[in-house]
Structures are given as C-alpha cells and as structure tokens.
C-alpha cells in the first residue's frame, strides 16, 4: 500500500501520491475527515517552499473522496474545489 493505492483518488497522480505519503497517508481511508488546509500547510513546511494552491484543491477533493461512499461526479473534479 502507499503511493499506488492513493492514485485511485481522482486528480492524484504519481507526484501528489508521493506528497500524500510524505505527509503520512498510505491508504485512501486514512484521508477520511482529514483537514485539507492543514495538509497543504504541512506540505509547504515539509518542502520549505510555496506550493501551488491547485494542490490544496486536490487535497480537498481527496478528502471528499475518502470521506464519502456516494460521490457527486462534479465534486470528483479537483477544479470544482477552488476557493
């Protein structure tokens, strides 16, 4: 388990799955009810640099995906999670 499993989340590819693993997530279920804003802030601290806000939007989508059994197809598109 790990990066490969996380890639089943819409919008999460190789790079973002590695970021999620770096944040301590190994399974989709571990993202249930996580705080996307906290995840984004932690990732910037971990990388020591600003990270594009699109990553925050993907994190929001990922938490939605993990936290719900039934999904609104529109909410599985990360760009629908913009501020």
PDB file of N, CA and C in Angstrom:
ATOM      1  N   UNK A   1       0.834  -1.183   0.000  1.00  0.00           N
ATOM      2  CA  UNK A   1       0.000   0.000   0.000  1.00  0.00           C
ATOM      3  C   UNK A   1       0.877   1.245   0.000  1.00  0.00           C
ATOM      4  N   UNK A   2       0.291   2.326  -0.383  1.00  0.00           N
ATOM      5  CA  UNK A   2       1.051   3.569  -0.406  1.00  0.00           C
ATOM      6  C   UNK A   2       0.683   4.402  -1.607  1.00  0.00           C
ATOM      7  N   UNK A   3       1.713   4.904  -2.248  1.00  0.00           N
ATOM      8  CA  UNK A   3       1.515   5.839  -3.352  1.00  0.00           C
ATOM      9  C   UNK A   3       0.594   5.271  -4.433  1.00  0.00           C
ATOM     10  N   UNK A   4       0.758   4.014  -4.764  1.00  0.00           N
ATOM     11  CA  UNK A   4      -0.045   3.400  -5.833  1.00  0.00           C
ATOM     12  C   UNK A   4      -1.525   3.389  -5.468  1.00  0.00           C
ATOM     13  N   UNK A   5      -1.859   3.008  -4.231  1.00  0.00           N
ATOM     14  CA  UNK A   5      -3.263   2.985  -3.814  1.00  0.00           C
ATOM     15  C   UNK A   5      -3.873   4.376  -3.854  1.00  0.00           C
ATOM     16  N   UNK A   6      -3.101   5.374  -3.455  1.00  0.00           N
ATOM     17  CA  UNK A   6      -3.610   6.744  -3.400  1.00  0.00           C
ATOM     18  C   UNK A   6      -3.919   7.297  -4.787  1.00  0.00           C
ATOM     19  N   UNK A   7      -3.341   6.690  -5.809  1.00  0.00           N
ATOM     20  CA  UNK A   7      -3.571   7.162  -7.179  1.00  0.00           C
ATOM     21  C   UNK A   7      -4.966   6.828  -7.691  1.00  0.00           C
ATOM     22  N   UNK A   8      -5.736   6.055  -6.926  1.00  0.00           N
ATOM     23  CA  UNK A   8      -7.123   5.794  -7.335  1.00  0.00           C
ATOM     24  C   UNK A   8      -8.020   7.008  -7.054  1.00  0.00           C
ATOM     25  N   UNK A   9      -7.509   7.963  -6.288  1.00  0.00           N
ATOM     26  CA  UNK A   9      -8.251   9.185  -5.989  1.00  0.00           C
ATOM     27  C   UNK A   9      -8.222  10.074  -7.235  1.00  0.00           C
ATOM     28  N   UNK A  10      -9.386  10.569  -7.662  1.00  0.00           N
ATOM     29  CA  UNK A  10      -9.398  11.461  -8.831  1.00  0.00           C
ATOM     30  C   UNK A  10      -8.481  12.668  -8.620  1.00  0.00           C
ATOM     31  N   UNK A  11      -7.645  12.939  -9.622  1.00  0.00           N
ATOM     32  CA  UNK A  11      -6.740  14.083  -9.561  1.00  0.00           C
ATOM     33  C   UNK A  11      -5.390  13.788  -8.929  1.00  0.00           C
ATOM     34  N   UNK A  12      -5.240  12.613  -8.338  1.00  0.00           N
ATOM     35  CA  UNK A  12      -3.977  12.267  -7.668  1.00  0.00           C
ATOM     36  C   UNK A  12      -3.168  11.351  -8.581  1.00  0.00           C
ATOM     37  N   UNK A  13      -2.025  11.873  -9.025  1.00  0.00           N
ATOM     38  CA  UNK A  13      -1.111  11.087  -9.853  1.00  0.00           C
ATOM     39  C   UNK A  13       0.115  10.705  -9.046  1.00  0.00           C
ATOM     40  N   UNK A  14       1.192  10.365  -9.751  1.00  0.00           N
ATOM     41  CA  UNK A  14       2.415   9.911  -9.081  1.00  0.00           C
ATOM     42  C   UNK A  14       2.983  10.946  -8.115  1.00  0.00           C
ATOM     43  N   UNK A  15       3.080  12.182  -8.558  1.00  0.00           N
ATOM     44  CA  UNK A  15       3.697  13.216  -7.736  1.00  0.00           C
ATOM     45  C   UNK A  15       2.885  13.505  -6.476  1.00  0.00           C
ATOM     46  N   UNK A  16       1.584  13.727  -6.631  1.00  0.00           N
ATOM     47  CA  UNK A  16       0.759  14.030  -5.464  1.00  0.00           C
ATOM     48  C   UNK A  16       0.612  12.837  -4.539  1.00  0.00           C
ATOM     49  N   UNK A  17       0.627  11.630  -5.087  1.00  0.00           N
ATOM     50  CA  UNK A  17       0.546  10.460  -4.210  1.00  0.00           C
ATOM     51  C   UNK A  17       1.806  10.372  -3.338  1.00  0.00           C
ATOM     52  N   UNK A  18       2.945  10.747  -3.897  1.00  0.00           N
ATOM     53  CA  UNK A  18       4.185  10.764  -3.104  1.00  0.00           C
ATOM     54  C   UNK A  18       4.121  11.846  -2.031  1.00  0.00           C
ATOM     55  N   UNK A  19       3.500  12.986  -2.353  1.00  0.00           N
ATOM     56  CA  UNK A  19       3.326  14.045  -1.358  1.00  0.00           C
ATOM     57  C   UNK A  19       2.438  13.553  -0.217  1.00  0.00           C
ATOM     58  N   UNK A  20       1.364  12.844  -0.547  1.00  0.00           N
ATOM     59  CA  UNK A  20       0.481  12.316   0.490  1.00  0.00           C
ATOM     60  C   UNK A  20       1.210  11.308   1.382  1.00  0.00           C
ATOM     61  N   UNK A  21       2.033  10.470   0.775  1.00  0.00           N
ATOM     62  CA  UNK A  21       2.829   9.511   1.558  1.00  0.00           C
ATOM     63  C   UNK A  21       3.792  10.269   2.471  1.00  0.00           C
ATOM     64  N   UNK A  22       4.409  11.332   1.963  1.00  0.00           N
ATOM     65  CA  UNK A  22       5.326  12.137   2.774  1.00  0.00           C
ATOM     66  C   UNK A  22       4.602  12.762   3.964  1.00  0.00           C
ATOM     67  N   UNK A  23       3.306  13.013   3.809  1.00  0.00           N
ATOM     68  CA  UNK A  23       2.504  13.564   4.896  1.00  0.00           C
ATOM     69  C   UNK A  23       2.008  12.475   5.857  1.00  0.00           C
ATOM     70  N   UNK A  24       2.294  11.215   5.528  1.00  0.00           N
ATOM     71  CA  UNK A  24       1.934  10.119   6.429  1.00  0.00           C
ATOM     72  C   UNK A  24       0.715   9.317   6.024  1.00  0.00           C
ATOM     73  N   UNK A  25       0.170   9.589   4.857  1.00  0.00           N
ATOM     74  CA  UNK A  25      -1.009   8.846   4.390  1.00  0.00           C
ATOM     75  C   UNK A  25      -0.563   7.699   3.495  1.00  0.00           C
ATOM     76  N   UNK A  26      -1.059   6.511   3.787  1.00  0.00           N
ATOM     77  CA  UNK A  26      -0.691   5.333   3.000  1.00  0.00           C
ATOM     78  C   UNK A  26      -1.906   4.700   2.319  1.00  0.00           C
ATOM     79  N   UNK A  27      -3.087   4.984   2.861  1.00  0.00           N
ATOM     80  CA  UNK A  27      -4.320   4.406   2.339  1.00  0.00           C
ATOM     81  C   UNK A  27      -5.357   5.504   2.165  1.00  0.00           C
ATOM     82  N   UNK A  28      -6.250   5.306   1.216  1.00  0.00           N
ATOM     83  CA  UNK A  28      -7.315   6.269   0.976  1.00  0.00           C
ATOM     84  C   UNK A  28      -8.106   6.495   2.264  1.00  0.00           C
ATOM     85  N   UNK A  29      -8.395   5.428   2.982  1.00  0.00           N
ATOM     86  CA  UNK A  29      -9.212   5.535   4.194  1.00  0.00           C
ATOM     87  C   UNK A  29      -8.584   6.436   5.257  1.00  0.00           C
ATOM     88  N   UNK A  30      -7.282   6.597   5.238  1.00  0.00           N
ATOM     89  CA  UNK A  30      -6.605   7.459   6.218  1.00  0.00           C
ATOM     90  C   UNK A  30      -6.888   8.945   5.974  1.00  0.00           C
ATOM     91  N   UNK A  31      -7.388   9.267   4.800  1.00  0.00           N
ATOM     92  CA  UNK A  31      -7.722  10.656   4.469  1.00  0.00           C
ATOM     93  C   UNK A  31      -9.121  11.048   4.943  1.00  0.00           C
ATOM     94  N   UNK A  32      -9.888  10.075   5.399  1.00  0.00           N
ATOM     95  CA  UNK A  32     -11.258  10.345   5.835  1.00  0.00           C
ATOM     96  C   UNK A  32     -11.254  11.403   6.933  1.00  0.00           C
ATOM     97  N   UNK A  33     -12.014  12.462   6.686  1.00  0.00           N
ATOM     98  CA  UNK A  33     -12.182  13.572   7.624  1.00  0.00           C
ATOM     99  C   UNK A  33     -10.889  14.327   7.942  1.00  0.00           C
ATOM    100  N   UNK A  34      -9.866  14.181   7.096  1.00  0.00           N
ATOM    101  CA  UNK A  34      -8.630  14.958   7.274  1.00  0.00           C
ATOM    102  C   UNK A  34      -8.917  16.419   6.942  1.00  0.00           C
ATOM    103  N   UNK A  35      -8.036  17.298   7.360  1.00  0.00           N
ATOM    104  CA  UNK A  35      -8.192  18.727   7.094  1.00  0.00           C
ATOM    105  C   UNK A  35      -7.291  19.113   5.920  1.00  0.00           C
ATOM    106  N   UNK A  36      -7.868  19.385   4.739  1.00  0.00           N
ATOM    107  CA  UNK A  36      -7.057  19.699   3.558  1.00  0.00           C
ATOM    108  C   UNK A  36      -6.145  20.912   3.740  1.00  0.00           C
ATOM    109  N   UNK A  37      -6.642  21.946   4.441  1.00  0.00           N
ATOM    110  CA  UNK A  37      -5.837  23.148   4.644  1.00  0.00           C
ATOM    111  C   UNK A  37      -4.611  22.837   5.498  1.00  0.00           C
ATOM    112  N   UNK A  38      -4.796  22.019   6.523  1.00  0.00           N
ATOM    113  CA  UNK A  38      -3.671  21.606   7.366  1.00  0.00           C
ATOM    114  C   UNK A  38      -2.682  20.770   6.557  1.00  0.00           C
ATOM    115  N   UNK A  39      -3.198  19.883   5.732  1.00  0.00           N
ATOM    116  CA  UNK A  39      -2.334  19.057   4.888  1.00  0.00           C
ATOM    117  C   UNK A  39      -1.486  19.936   3.975  1.00  0.00           C
ATOM    118  N   UNK A  40      -2.128  20.943   3.374  1.00  0.00           N
ATOM    119  CA  UNK A  40      -1.443  21.857   2.449  1.00  0.00           C
ATOM    120  C   UNK A  40      -0.354  22.650   3.179  1.00  0.00           C
ATOM    121  N   UNK A  41      -0.674  23.160   4.349  1.00  0.00           N
ATOM    122  CA  UNK A  41       0.298  23.922   5.150  1.00  0.00           C
ATOM    123  C   UNK A  41       1.465  23.029   5.562  1.00  0.00           C
ATOM    124  N   UNK A  42       1.167  21.803   5.978  1.00  0.00           N
ATOM    125  CA  UNK A  42       2.230  20.864   6.376  1.00  0.00           C
ATOM    126  C   UNK A  42       3.135  20.525   5.201  1.00  0.00           C
ATOM    127  N   UNK A  43       2.543  20.365   4.013  1.00  0.00           N
ATOM    128  CA  UNK A  43       3.351  20.033   2.831  1.00  0.00           C
ATOM    129  C   UNK A  43       4.288  21.179   2.478  1.00  0.00           C
ATOM    130  N   UNK A  44       3.805  22.422   2.574  1.00  0.00           N
ATOM    131  CA  UNK A  44       4.681  23.569   2.303  1.00  0.00           C
ATOM    132  C   UNK A  44       5.824  23.614   3.316  1.00  0.00           C
ATOM    133  N   UNK A  45       5.532  23.337   4.574  1.00  0.00           N
ATOM    134  CA  UNK A  45       6.577  23.326   5.604  1.00  0.00           C
ATOM    135  C   UNK A  45       7.575  22.212   5.328  1.00  0.00           C
ATOM    136  N   UNK A  46       7.072  21.061   4.938  1.00  0.00           N
ATOM    137  CA  UNK A  46       7.932  19.915   4.640  1.00  0.00           C
ATOM    138  C   UNK A  46       8.857  20.200   3.450  1.00  0.00           C
ATOM    139  N   UNK A  47       8.315  20.846   2.441  1.00  0.00           N
ATOM    140  CA  UNK A  47       9.088  21.151   1.228  1.00  0.00           C
ATOM    141  C   UNK A  47       9.905  22.443   1.367  1.00  0.00           C
ATOM    142  N   UNK A  48       9.551  23.266   2.340  1.00  0.00           N
ATOM    143  CA  UNK A  48      10.271  24.518   2.544  1.00  0.00           C
ATOM    144  C   UNK A  48      10.059  25.516   1.431  1.00  0.00           C
ATOM    145  N   UNK A  49       8.894  25.455   0.802  1.00  0.00           N
ATOM    146  CA  UNK A  49       8.612  26.346  -0.324  1.00  0.00           C
ATOM    147  C   UNK A  49       7.107  26.499  -0.495  1.00  0.00           C
ATOM    148  N   UNK A  50       6.727  27.572  -1.200  1.00  0.00           N
ATOM    149  CA  UNK A  50       5.321  27.752  -1.541  1.00  0.00           C
ATOM    150  C   UNK A  50       4.930  26.672  -2.551  1.00  0.00           C
ATOM    151  N   UNK A  51       3.716  26.171  -2.426  1.00  0.00           N
ATOM    152  CA  UNK A  51       3.195  25.161  -3.341  1.00  0.00           C
ATOM    153  C   UNK A  51       1.911  25.712  -3.953  1.00  0.00           C
ATOM    154  N   UNK A  52       1.753  25.510  -5.237  1.00  0.00           N
ATOM    155  CA  UNK A  52       0.585  25.995  -5.959  1.00  0.00           C
ATOM    156  C   UNK A  52      -0.705  25.590  -5.237  1.00  0.00           C
ATOM    157  N   UNK A  53      -1.661  26.519  -5.177  1.00  0.00           N
ATOM    158  CA  UNK A  53      -2.933  26.250  -4.483  1.00  0.00           C
ATOM    159  C   UNK A  53      -3.729  25.126  -5.135  1.00  0.00           C
ATOM    160  N   UNK A  54      -3.411  24.777  -6.360  1.00  0.00           N
ATOM    161  CA  UNK A  54      -4.087  23.653  -7.003  1.00  0.00           C
ATOM    162  C   UNK A  54      -3.914  22.378  -6.171  1.00  0.00           C
ATOM    163  N   UNK A  55      -2.797  22.263  -5.482  1.00  0.00           N
ATOM    164  CA  UNK A  55      -2.560  21.104  -4.614  1.00  0.00           C
ATOM    165  C   UNK A  55      -3.595  21.094  -3.483  1.00  0.00           C
ATOM    166  N   UNK A  56      -3.903  22.247  -2.930  1.00  0.00           N
ATOM    167  CA  UNK A  56      -4.938  22.341  -1.895  1.00  0.00           C
ATOM    168  C   UNK A  56      -6.271  21.852  -2.452  1.00  0.00           C
ATOM    169  N   UNK A  57      -6.589  22.240  -3.679  1.00  0.00           N
ATOM    170  CA  UNK A  57      -7.859  21.840  -4.279  1.00  0.00           C
ATOM    171  C   UNK A  57      -7.922  20.332  -4.473  1.00  0.00           C
ATOM    172  N   UNK A  58      -6.800  19.731  -4.857  1.00  0.00           N
ATOM    173  CA  UNK A  58      -6.756  18.270  -4.999  1.00  0.00           C
ATOM    174  C   UNK A  58      -6.898  17.616  -3.623  1.00  0.00           C
ATOM    175  N   UNK A  59      -6.273  18.194  -2.593  1.00  0.00           N
ATOM    176  CA  UNK A  59      -6.414  17.651  -1.243  1.00  0.00           C
ATOM    177  C   UNK A  59      -7.877  17.698  -0.802  1.00  0.00           C
ATOM    178  N   UNK A  60      -8.566  18.788  -1.106  1.00  0.00           N
ATOM    179  CA  UNK A  60      -9.987  18.884  -0.758  1.00  0.00           C
ATOM    180  C   UNK A  60     -10.790  17.791  -1.448  1.00  0.00           C
ATOM    181  N   UNK A  61     -10.500  17.582  -2.707  1.00  0.00           N
ATOM    182  CA  UNK A  61     -11.179  16.538  -3.479  1.00  0.00           C
ATOM    183  C   UNK A  61     -10.856  15.155  -2.894  1.00  0.00           C
ATOM    184  N   UNK A  62      -9.610  14.932  -2.536  1.00  0.00           N
ATOM    185  CA  UNK A  62      -9.181  13.640  -1.987  1.00  0.00           C
ATOM    186  C   UNK A  62      -9.884  13.331  -0.667  1.00  0.00           C
ATOM    187  N   UNK A  63      -9.994  14.328   0.190  1.00  0.00           N
ATOM    188  CA  UNK A  63     -10.673  14.125   1.474  1.00  0.00           C
ATOM    189  C   UNK A  63     -12.157  13.849   1.237  1.00  0.00           C
ATOM    190  N   UNK A  64     -12.760  14.563   0.303  1.00  0.00           N
ATOM    191  CA  UNK A  64     -14.165  14.298  -0.057  1.00  0.00           C
ATOM    192  C   UNK A  64     -14.311  12.857  -0.541  1.00  0.00           C
ATOM    193  N   UNK A  65     -13.431  12.431  -1.418  1.00  0.00           N
ATOM    194  CA  UNK A  65     -13.476  11.073  -1.974  1.00  0.00           C
ATOM    195  C   UNK A  65     -13.374  10.032  -0.862  1.00  0.00           C
ATOM    196  N   UNK A  66     -12.441  10.246   0.063  1.00  0.00           N
ATOM    197  CA  UNK A  66     -12.217   9.279   1.144  1.00  0.00           C
ATOM    198  C   UNK A  66     -13.325   9.299   2.192  1.00  0.00           C
ATOM    199  N   UNK A  67     -13.969  10.437   2.359  1.00  0.00           N
ATOM    200  CA  UNK A  67     -14.939  10.615   3.442  1.00  0.00           C
ATOM    201  C   UNK A  67     -16.370  10.242   3.064  1.00  0.00           C
ATOM    202  N   UNK A  68     -16.603   9.975   1.789  1.00  0.00           N
ATOM    203  CA  UNK A  68     -17.967   9.690   1.325  1.00  0.00           C
ATOM    204  C   UNK A  68     -18.016   8.428   0.486  1.00  0.00           C
ATOM    205  N   UNK A  69     -19.082   7.661   0.675  1.00  0.00           N
ATOM    206  CA  UNK A  69     -19.269   6.449  -0.126  1.00  0.00           C
ATOM    207  C   UNK A  69     -19.930   6.764  -1.465  1.00  0.00           C
ATOM    208  N   UNK A  70     -20.851   7.716  -1.443  1.00  0.00           N
ATOM    209  CA  UNK A  70     -21.512   8.153  -2.667  1.00  0.00           C
ATOM    210  C   UNK A  70     -20.914   9.494  -3.072  1.00  0.00           C
ATOM    211  N   UNK A  71     -20.546   9.597  -4.346  1.00  0.00           N
ATOM    212  CA  UNK A  71     -19.854  10.798  -4.817  1.00  0.00           C
ATOM    213  C   UNK A  71     -20.654  11.525  -5.882  1.00  0.00           C
ATOM    214  N   UNK A  72     -20.716  12.835  -5.749  1.00  0.00           N
ATOM    215  CA  UNK A  72     -21.252  13.697  -6.797  1.00  0.00           C
ATOM    216  C   UNK A  72     -20.156  13.781  -7.862  1.00  0.00           C
ATOM    217  N   UNK A  73     -20.433  13.353  -9.099  1.00  0.00           N
ATOM    218  CA  UNK A  73     -19.396  13.371 -10.140  1.00  0.00           C
ATOM    219  C   UNK A  73     -18.706  14.724 -10.306  1.00  0.00           C
ATOM    220  N   UNK A  74     -19.440  15.809 -10.116  1.00  0.00           N
ATOM    221  CA  UNK A  74     -18.842  17.144 -10.256  1.00  0.00           C
ATOM    222  C   UNK A  74     -17.796  17.392  -9.175  1.00  0.00           C
ATOM    223  N   UNK A  75     -18.003  16.818  -7.998  1.00  0.00           N
ATOM    224  CA  UNK A  75     -17.064  17.035  -6.896  1.00  0.00           C
ATOM    225  C   UNK A  75     -15.843  16.113  -6.957  1.00  0.00           C
ATOM    226  N   UNK A  76     -15.794  15.250  -7.959  1.00  0.00           N
ATOM    227  CA  UNK A  76     -14.607  14.411  -8.165  1.00  0.00           C
ATOM    228  C   UNK A  76     -13.623  15.077  -9.125  1.00  0.00           C
ATOM    229  N   UNK A  77     -13.941  16.300  -9.512  1.00  0.00           N
ATOM    230  CA  UNK A  77     -13.034  17.104 -10.341  1.00  0.00           C
ATOM    231  C   UNK A  77     -12.400  18.145  -9.423  1.00  0.00           C
ATOM    232  N   UNK A  78     -11.096  18.091  -9.281  1.00  0.00           N
ATOM    233  CA  UNK A  78     -10.414  18.949  -8.300  1.00  0.00           C
ATOM    234  C   UNK A  78     -10.678  20.430  -8.513  1.00  0.00           C
ATOM    235  N   UNK A  79     -10.842  20.858  -9.759  1.00  0.00           N
ATOM    236  CA  UNK A  79     -11.027  22.286 -10.029  1.00  0.00           C
ATOM    237  C   UNK A  79     -12.361  22.814  -9.495  1.00  0.00           C
ATOM    238  N   UNK A  80     -13.254  21.922  -9.136  1.00  0.00           N
ATOM    239  CA  UNK A  80     -14.516  22.357  -8.524  1.00  0.00           C
ATOM    240  C   UNK A  80     -14.356  22.614  -7.020  1.00  0.00           C
ATOM    241  N   UNK A  81     -13.144  22.483  -6.516  1.00  0.00           N
ATOM    242  CA  UNK A  81     -12.854  22.722  -5.098  1.00  0.00           C
ATOM    243  C   UNK A  81     -12.089  24.016  -4.890  1.00  0.00           C
ATOM    244  N   UNK A  82     -12.029  24.860  -5.921  1.00  0.00           N
ATOM    245  CA  UNK A  82     -11.330  26.141  -5.795  1.00  0.00           C
ATOM    246  C   UNK A  82     -12.021  27.029  -4.762  1.00  0.00           C
ATOM    247  N   UNK A  83     -11.278  27.996  -4.244  1.00  0.00           N
ATOM    248  CA  UNK A  83     -11.843  28.936  -3.268  1.00  0.00           C
ATOM    249  C   UNK A  83     -13.002  29.699  -3.862  1.00  0.00           C
TER     250      UNK A  83
END
